[in-house]
PDB file of all heavy atoms in Angstrom:
ATOM      1  N   HIS A   1      66.367 -41.696  57.868  1.00  0.00           N
ATOM      2  CA  HIS A   1      67.371 -42.752  57.977  1.00  0.00           C
ATOM      3  C   HIS A   1      68.776 -42.195  58.121  1.00  0.00           C
ATOM      4  O   HIS A   1      69.752 -42.943  58.057  1.00  0.00           O
ATOM      5  CB  HIS A   1      67.290 -43.683  56.763  1.00  0.00           C
ATOM      6  CG  HIS A   1      66.028 -44.487  56.735  1.00  0.00           C
ATOM      7  ND1 HIS A   1      64.895 -44.075  56.063  1.00  0.00           N
ATOM      8  CD2 HIS A   1      65.705 -45.666  57.323  1.00  0.00           C
ATOM      9  CE1 HIS A   1      63.933 -44.966  56.225  1.00  0.00           C
ATOM     10  NE2 HIS A   1      64.397 -45.938  56.991  1.00  0.00           N
ATOM     11  N   PHE A   2      68.870 -40.877  58.308  1.00  0.00           N
ATOM     12  CA  PHE A   2      70.167 -40.256  58.554  1.00  0.00           C
ATOM     13  C   PHE A   2      70.749 -40.791  59.869  1.00  0.00           C
ATOM     14  O   PHE A   2      70.087 -40.797  60.904  1.00  0.00           O
ATOM     15  CB  PHE A   2      70.003 -38.734  58.646  1.00  0.00           C
ATOM     16  CG  PHE A   2      71.278 -37.990  58.925  1.00  0.00           C
ATOM     17  CD1 PHE A   2      72.194 -37.764  57.916  1.00  0.00           C
ATOM     18  CD2 PHE A   2      71.560 -37.526  60.199  1.00  0.00           C
ATOM     19  CE1 PHE A   2      73.366 -37.081  58.166  1.00  0.00           C
ATOM     20  CE2 PHE A   2      72.727 -36.837  60.465  1.00  0.00           C
ATOM     21  CZ  PHE A   2      73.640 -36.619  59.445  1.00  0.00           C
ATOM     22  N   GLY A   3      71.994 -41.276  59.804  1.00  0.00           N
ATOM     23  CA  GLY A   3      72.634 -41.800  61.017  1.00  0.00           C
ATOM     24  C   GLY A   3      72.265 -43.226  61.344  1.00  0.00           C
ATOM     25  O   GLY A   3      72.694 -43.738  62.380  1.00  0.00           O
ATOM     26  N   THR A   4      71.484 -43.892  60.475  1.00  0.00           N
ATOM     27  CA  THR A   4      71.123 -45.291  60.706  1.00  0.00           C
ATOM     28  C   THR A   4      71.887 -46.174  59.727  1.00  0.00           C
ATOM     29  O   THR A   4      72.607 -45.700  58.846  1.00  0.00           O
ATOM     30  CB  THR A   4      69.612 -45.514  60.526  1.00  0.00           C
ATOM     31  OG1 THR A   4      69.297 -45.457  59.112  1.00  0.00           O
ATOM     32  CG2 THR A   4      68.810 -44.435  61.247  1.00  0.00           C
ATOM     33  N   ARG A   5      71.691 -47.472  59.841  1.00  0.00           N
ATOM     34  CA  ARG A   5      72.386 -48.387  58.939  1.00  0.00           C
ATOM     35  C   ARG A   5      71.839 -48.326  57.514  1.00  0.00           C
ATOM     36  O   ARG A   5      72.424 -48.896  56.591  1.00  0.00           O
ATOM     37  CB  ARG A   5      72.311 -49.820  59.482  1.00  0.00           C
ATOM     38  CG  ARG A   5      70.900 -50.390  59.595  1.00  0.00           C
ATOM     39  CD  ARG A   5      70.928 -51.682  60.395  1.00  0.00           C
ATOM     40  NE  ARG A   5      69.619 -52.272  60.558  1.00  0.00           N
ATOM     41  CZ  ARG A   5      69.116 -53.210  59.746  1.00  0.00           C
ATOM     42  NH1 ARG A   5      69.829 -53.647  58.717  1.00  0.00           N
ATOM     43  NH2 ARG A   5      67.914 -53.719  59.971  1.00  0.00           N
ATOM     44  N   PHE A   6      70.716 -47.637  57.340  1.00  0.00           N
ATOM     45  CA  PHE A   6      70.137 -47.497  56.005  1.00  0.00           C
ATOM     46  C   PHE A   6      70.495 -46.168  55.340  1.00  0.00           C
ATOM     47  O   PHE A   6      69.979 -45.843  54.277  1.00  0.00           O
ATOM     48  CB  PHE A   6      68.605 -47.611  56.089  1.00  0.00           C
ATOM     49  CG  PHE A   6      68.121 -48.920  56.650  1.00  0.00           C
ATOM     50  CD1 PHE A   6      67.462 -48.953  57.863  1.00  0.00           C
ATOM     51  CD2 PHE A   6      68.338 -50.097  55.960  1.00  0.00           C
ATOM     52  CE1 PHE A   6      67.013 -50.150  58.398  1.00  0.00           C
ATOM     53  CE2 PHE A   6      67.896 -51.311  56.479  1.00  0.00           C
ATOM     54  CZ  PHE A   6      67.227 -51.341  57.707  1.00  0.00           C
ATOM     55  N   GLU A   7      71.389 -45.405  55.977  1.00  0.00           N
ATOM     56  CA  GLU A   7      71.696 -44.078  55.447  1.00  0.00           C
ATOM     57  C   GLU A   7      72.278 -44.129  54.037  1.00  0.00           C
ATOM     58  O   GLU A   7      71.966 -43.271  53.202  1.00  0.00           O
ATOM     59  CB  GLU A   7      72.666 -43.339  56.374  1.00  0.00           C
ATOM     60  CG  GLU A   7      72.973 -41.926  55.878  1.00  0.00           C
ATOM     61  CD  GLU A   7      73.951 -41.179  56.756  1.00  0.00           C
ATOM     62  OE1 GLU A   7      74.200 -41.627  57.906  1.00  0.00           O
ATOM     63  OE2 GLU A   7      74.476 -40.131  56.309  1.00  0.00           O
ATOM     64  N   ASP A   8      73.106 -45.119  53.746  1.00  0.00           N
ATOM     65  CA  ASP A   8      73.725 -45.191  52.417  1.00  0.00           C
ATOM     66  C   ASP A   8      72.663 -45.291  51.326  1.00  0.00           C
ATOM     67  O   ASP A   8      72.693 -44.557  50.333  1.00  0.00           O
ATOM     68  CB  ASP A   8      74.667 -46.392  52.333  1.00  0.00           C
ATOM     69  CG  ASP A   8      75.898 -46.225  53.212  1.00  0.00           C
ATOM     70  OD1 ASP A   8      75.994 -45.189  53.903  1.00  0.00           O
ATOM     71  OD2 ASP A   8      76.752 -47.130  53.217  1.00  0.00           O
ATOM     72  N   THR A   9      71.704 -46.201  51.510  1.00  0.00           N
ATOM     73  CA  THR A   9      70.633 -46.364  50.520  1.00  0.00           C
ATOM     74  C   THR A   9      69.766 -45.119  50.450  1.00  0.00           C
ATOM     75  O   THR A   9      69.378 -44.677  49.364  1.00  0.00           O
ATOM     76  CB  THR A   9      69.756 -47.579  50.885  1.00  0.00           C
ATOM     77  OG1 THR A   9      70.568 -48.754  50.917  1.00  0.00           O
ATOM     78  CG2 THR A   9      68.639 -47.764  49.875  1.00  0.00           C
ATOM     79  N   ALA A  10      69.482 -44.533  51.608  1.00  0.00           N
ATOM     80  CA  ALA A  10      68.662 -43.320  51.640  1.00  0.00           C
ATOM     81  C   ALA A  10      69.358 -42.166  50.939  1.00  0.00           C
ATOM     82  O   ALA A  10      68.710 -41.358  50.256  1.00  0.00           O
ATOM     83  CB  ALA A  10      68.350 -42.942  53.084  1.00  0.00           C
ATOM     84  N   SER A  11      70.678 -42.081  51.058  1.00  0.00           N
ATOM     85  CA  SER A  11      71.425 -41.005  50.407  1.00  0.00           C
ATOM     86  C   SER A  11      71.360 -41.124  48.894  1.00  0.00           C
ATOM     87  O   SER A  11      71.143 -40.134  48.188  1.00  0.00           O
ATOM     88  CB  SER A  11      72.887 -41.033  50.868  1.00  0.00           C
ATOM     89  OG  SER A  11      72.989 -40.791  52.253  1.00  0.00           O
ATOM     90  N   VAL A  12      71.533 -42.326  48.386  1.00  0.00           N
ATOM     91  CA  VAL A  12      71.442 -42.538  46.931  1.00  0.00           C
ATOM     92  C   VAL A  12      70.031 -42.233  46.446  1.00  0.00           C
ATOM     93  O   VAL A  12      69.833 -41.646  45.378  1.00  0.00           O
ATOM     94  CB  VAL A  12      71.845 -43.982  46.563  1.00  0.00           C
ATOM     95  CG1 VAL A  12      71.630 -44.235  45.077  1.00  0.00           C
ATOM     96  CG2 VAL A  12      73.298 -44.238  46.935  1.00  0.00           C
ATOM     97  N   THR A  13      69.032 -42.608  47.252  1.00  0.00           N
ATOM     98  CA  THR A  13      67.639 -42.315  46.895  1.00  0.00           C
ATOM     99  C   THR A  13      67.413 -40.814  46.780  1.00  0.00           C
ATOM    100  O   THR A  13      66.791 -40.336  45.822  1.00  0.00           O
ATOM    101  CB  THR A  13      66.686 -42.901  47.952  1.00  0.00           C
ATOM    102  OG1 THR A  13      66.875 -44.315  48.030  1.00  0.00           O
ATOM    103  CG2 THR A  13      65.231 -42.599  47.598  1.00  0.00           C
ATOM    104  N   LEU A  14      67.935 -40.065  47.738  1.00  0.00           N
ATOM    105  CA  LEU A  14      67.766 -38.609  47.709  1.00  0.00           C
ATOM    106  C   LEU A  14      68.483 -37.989  46.520  1.00  0.00           C
ATOM    107  O   LEU A  14      67.896 -37.185  45.778  1.00  0.00           O
ATOM    108  CB  LEU A  14      68.309 -38.003  49.007  1.00  0.00           C
ATOM    109  CG  LEU A  14      68.396 -36.472  49.052  1.00  0.00           C
ATOM    110  CD1 LEU A  14      67.041 -35.824  48.792  1.00  0.00           C
ATOM    111  CD2 LEU A  14      68.968 -36.009  50.384  1.00  0.00           C
ATOM    112  N   VAL A  15      69.736 -38.348  46.319  1.00  0.00           N
ATOM    113  CA  VAL A  15      70.514 -37.756  45.233  1.00  0.00           C
ATOM    114  C   VAL A  15      69.903 -38.110  43.871  1.00  0.00           C
ATOM    115  O   VAL A  15      69.803 -37.258  42.987  1.00  0.00           O
ATOM    116  CB  VAL A  15      71.981 -38.224  45.317  1.00  0.00           C
ATOM    117  CG1 VAL A  15      72.764 -37.768  44.093  1.00  0.00           C
ATOM    118  CG2 VAL A  15      72.630 -37.688  46.584  1.00  0.00           C
ATOM    119  N   ALA A  16      69.476 -39.350  43.710  1.00  0.00           N
ATOM    120  CA  ALA A  16      68.857 -39.758  42.452  1.00  0.00           C
ATOM    121  C   ALA A  16      67.548 -39.013  42.223  1.00  0.00           C
ATOM    122  O   ALA A  16      67.235 -38.616  41.092  1.00  0.00           O
ATOM    123  CB  ALA A  16      68.620 -41.266  42.446  1.00  0.00           C
ATOM    124  N   GLY A  17      66.778 -38.818  43.303  1.00  0.00           N
ATOM    125  CA  GLY A  17      65.520 -38.088  43.168  1.00  0.00           C
ATOM    126  C   GLY A  17      65.737 -36.648  42.741  1.00  0.00           C
ATOM    127  O   GLY A  17      65.023 -36.132  41.871  1.00  0.00           O
ATOM    128  N   LEU A  18      66.730 -35.984  43.332  1.00  0.00           N
ATOM    129  CA  LEU A  18      67.014 -34.602  42.955  1.00  0.00           C
ATOM    130  C   LEU A  18      67.557 -34.515  41.531  1.00  0.00           C
ATOM    131  O   LEU A  18      67.245 -33.576  40.794  1.00  0.00           O
ATOM    132  CB  LEU A  18      68.013 -33.994  43.946  1.00  0.00           C
ATOM    133  CG  LEU A  18      67.512 -33.820  45.385  1.00  0.00           C
ATOM    134  CD1 LEU A  18      68.612 -33.207  46.255  1.00  0.00           C
ATOM    135  CD2 LEU A  18      66.257 -32.948  45.432  1.00  0.00           C
ATOM    136  N   ALA A  19      68.364 -35.494  41.133  1.00  0.00           N
ATOM    137  CA  ALA A  19      68.881 -35.508  39.764  1.00  0.00           C
ATOM    138  C   ALA A  19      67.752 -35.698  38.763  1.00  0.00           C
ATOM    139  O   ALA A  19      67.737 -35.070  37.686  1.00  0.00           O
ATOM    140  CB  ALA A  19      69.921 -36.617  39.606  1.00  0.00           C
ATOM    141  N   LEU A  20      66.797 -36.546  39.102  1.00  0.00           N
ATOM    142  CA  LEU A  20      65.661 -36.770  38.210  1.00  0.00           C
ATOM    143  C   LEU A  20      64.840 -35.494  38.042  1.00  0.00           C
ATOM    144  O   LEU A  20      64.416 -35.160  36.927  1.00  0.00           O
ATOM    145  CB  LEU A  20      64.776 -37.892  38.765  1.00  0.00           C
ATOM    146  CG  LEU A  20      63.527 -38.226  37.943  1.00  0.00           C
ATOM    147  CD1 LEU A  20      63.925 -38.695  36.548  1.00  0.00           C
ATOM    148  CD2 LEU A  20      62.696 -39.295  38.649  1.00  0.00           C
ATOM    149  N   THR A  21      64.632 -34.774  39.133  1.00  0.00           N
ATOM    150  CA  THR A  21      63.898 -33.509  39.049  1.00  0.00           C
ATOM    151  C   THR A  21      64.641 -32.519  38.149  1.00  0.00           C
ATOM    152  O   THR A  21      64.034 -31.838  37.326  1.00  0.00           O
ATOM    153  CB  THR A  21      63.703 -32.899  40.447  1.00  0.00           C
ATOM    154  OG1 THR A  21      63.030 -33.841  41.279  1.00  0.00           O
ATOM    155  CG2 THR A  21      62.869 -31.624  40.374  1.00  0.00           C
ATOM    156  N   ALA A  22      65.957 -32.447  38.300  1.00  0.00           N
ATOM    157  CA  ALA A  22      66.757 -31.564  37.453  1.00  0.00           C
ATOM    158  C   ALA A  22      66.643 -31.956  35.983  1.00  0.00           C
ATOM    159  O   ALA A  22      66.580 -31.089  35.104  1.00  0.00           O
ATOM    160  CB  ALA A  22      68.221 -31.609  37.900  1.00  0.00           C
ATOM    161  N   CYS A  23      66.583 -33.253  35.708  1.00  0.00           N
ATOM    162  CA  CYS A  23      66.469 -33.714  34.318  1.00  0.00           C
ATOM    163  C   CYS A  23      65.124 -33.325  33.718  1.00  0.00           C
ATOM    164  O   CYS A  23      65.039 -32.987  32.530  1.00  0.00           O
ATOM    165  CB  CYS A  23      66.662 -35.228  34.255  1.00  0.00           C
ATOM    166  SG  CYS A  23      68.380 -35.760  34.513  1.00  0.00           S
ATOM    167  N   THR A  24      64.057 -33.367  34.513  1.00  0.00           N
ATOM    168  CA  THR A  24      62.753 -32.958  33.975  1.00  0.00           C
ATOM    169  C   THR A  24      62.735 -31.458  33.690  1.00  0.00           C
ATOM    170  O   THR A  24      62.114 -31.011  32.724  1.00  0.00           O
ATOM    171  CB  THR A  24      61.610 -33.315  34.947  1.00  0.00           C
ATOM    172  OG1 THR A  24      61.778 -32.614  36.187  1.00  0.00           O
ATOM    173  CG2 THR A  24      61.573 -34.817  35.209  1.00  0.00           C
ATOM    174  N   TRP A  25      63.429 -30.681  34.531  1.00  0.00           N
ATOM    175  CA  TRP A  25      63.546 -29.243  34.260  1.00  0.00           C
ATOM    176  C   TRP A  25      64.295 -29.011  32.949  1.00  0.00           C
ATOM    177  O   TRP A  25      63.906 -28.193  32.131  1.00  0.00           O
ATOM    178  CB  TRP A  25      64.256 -28.559  35.418  1.00  0.00           C
ATOM    179  CG  TRP A  25      64.569 -27.114  35.157  1.00  0.00           C
ATOM    180  CD1 TRP A  25      65.723 -26.595  34.629  1.00  0.00           C
ATOM    181  CD2 TRP A  25      63.686 -26.000  35.349  1.00  0.00           C
ATOM    182  NE1 TRP A  25      65.626 -25.228  34.500  1.00  0.00           N
ATOM    183  CE2 TRP A  25      64.377 -24.840  34.938  1.00  0.00           C
ATOM    184  CE3 TRP A  25      62.389 -25.876  35.840  1.00  0.00           C
ATOM    185  CZ2 TRP A  25      63.816 -23.570  34.994  1.00  0.00           C
ATOM    186  CZ3 TRP A  25      61.832 -24.609  35.902  1.00  0.00           C
ATOM    187  CH2 TRP A  25      62.535 -23.470  35.481  1.00  0.00           C
ATOM    188  N   MET A  26      65.389 -29.753  32.750  1.00  0.00           N
ATOM    189  CA  MET A  26      66.183 -29.587  31.534  1.00  0.00           C
ATOM    190  C   MET A  26      65.421 -30.037  30.298  1.00  0.00           C
ATOM    191  O   MET A  26      65.629 -29.495  29.201  1.00  0.00           O
ATOM    192  CB  MET A  26      67.491 -30.378  31.640  1.00  0.00           C
ATOM    193  CG  MET A  26      68.517 -29.765  32.591  1.00  0.00           C
ATOM    194  SD  MET A  26      68.903 -28.024  32.220  1.00  0.00           S
ATOM    195  CE  MET A  26      69.583 -28.147  30.571  1.00  0.00           C
ATOM    196  N   SER A  27      64.532 -31.020  30.449  1.00  0.00           N
ATOM    197  CA  SER A  27      63.740 -31.449  29.292  1.00  0.00           C
ATOM    198  C   SER A  27      62.851 -30.312  28.808  1.00  0.00           C
ATOM    199  O   SER A  27      62.705 -30.093  27.598  1.00  0.00           O
ATOM    200  CB  SER A  27      62.898 -32.684  29.643  1.00  0.00           C
ATOM    201  OG  SER A  27      61.843 -32.361  30.547  1.00  0.00           O
TER     202      SER A  27
END
């Protein structure tokens, strides 16, 4: 969805997913 009208939502999805993975590592 890069470059489409859904890019904003897709970007938050990606960043949130990576943050969640980092949180499981920290746990």
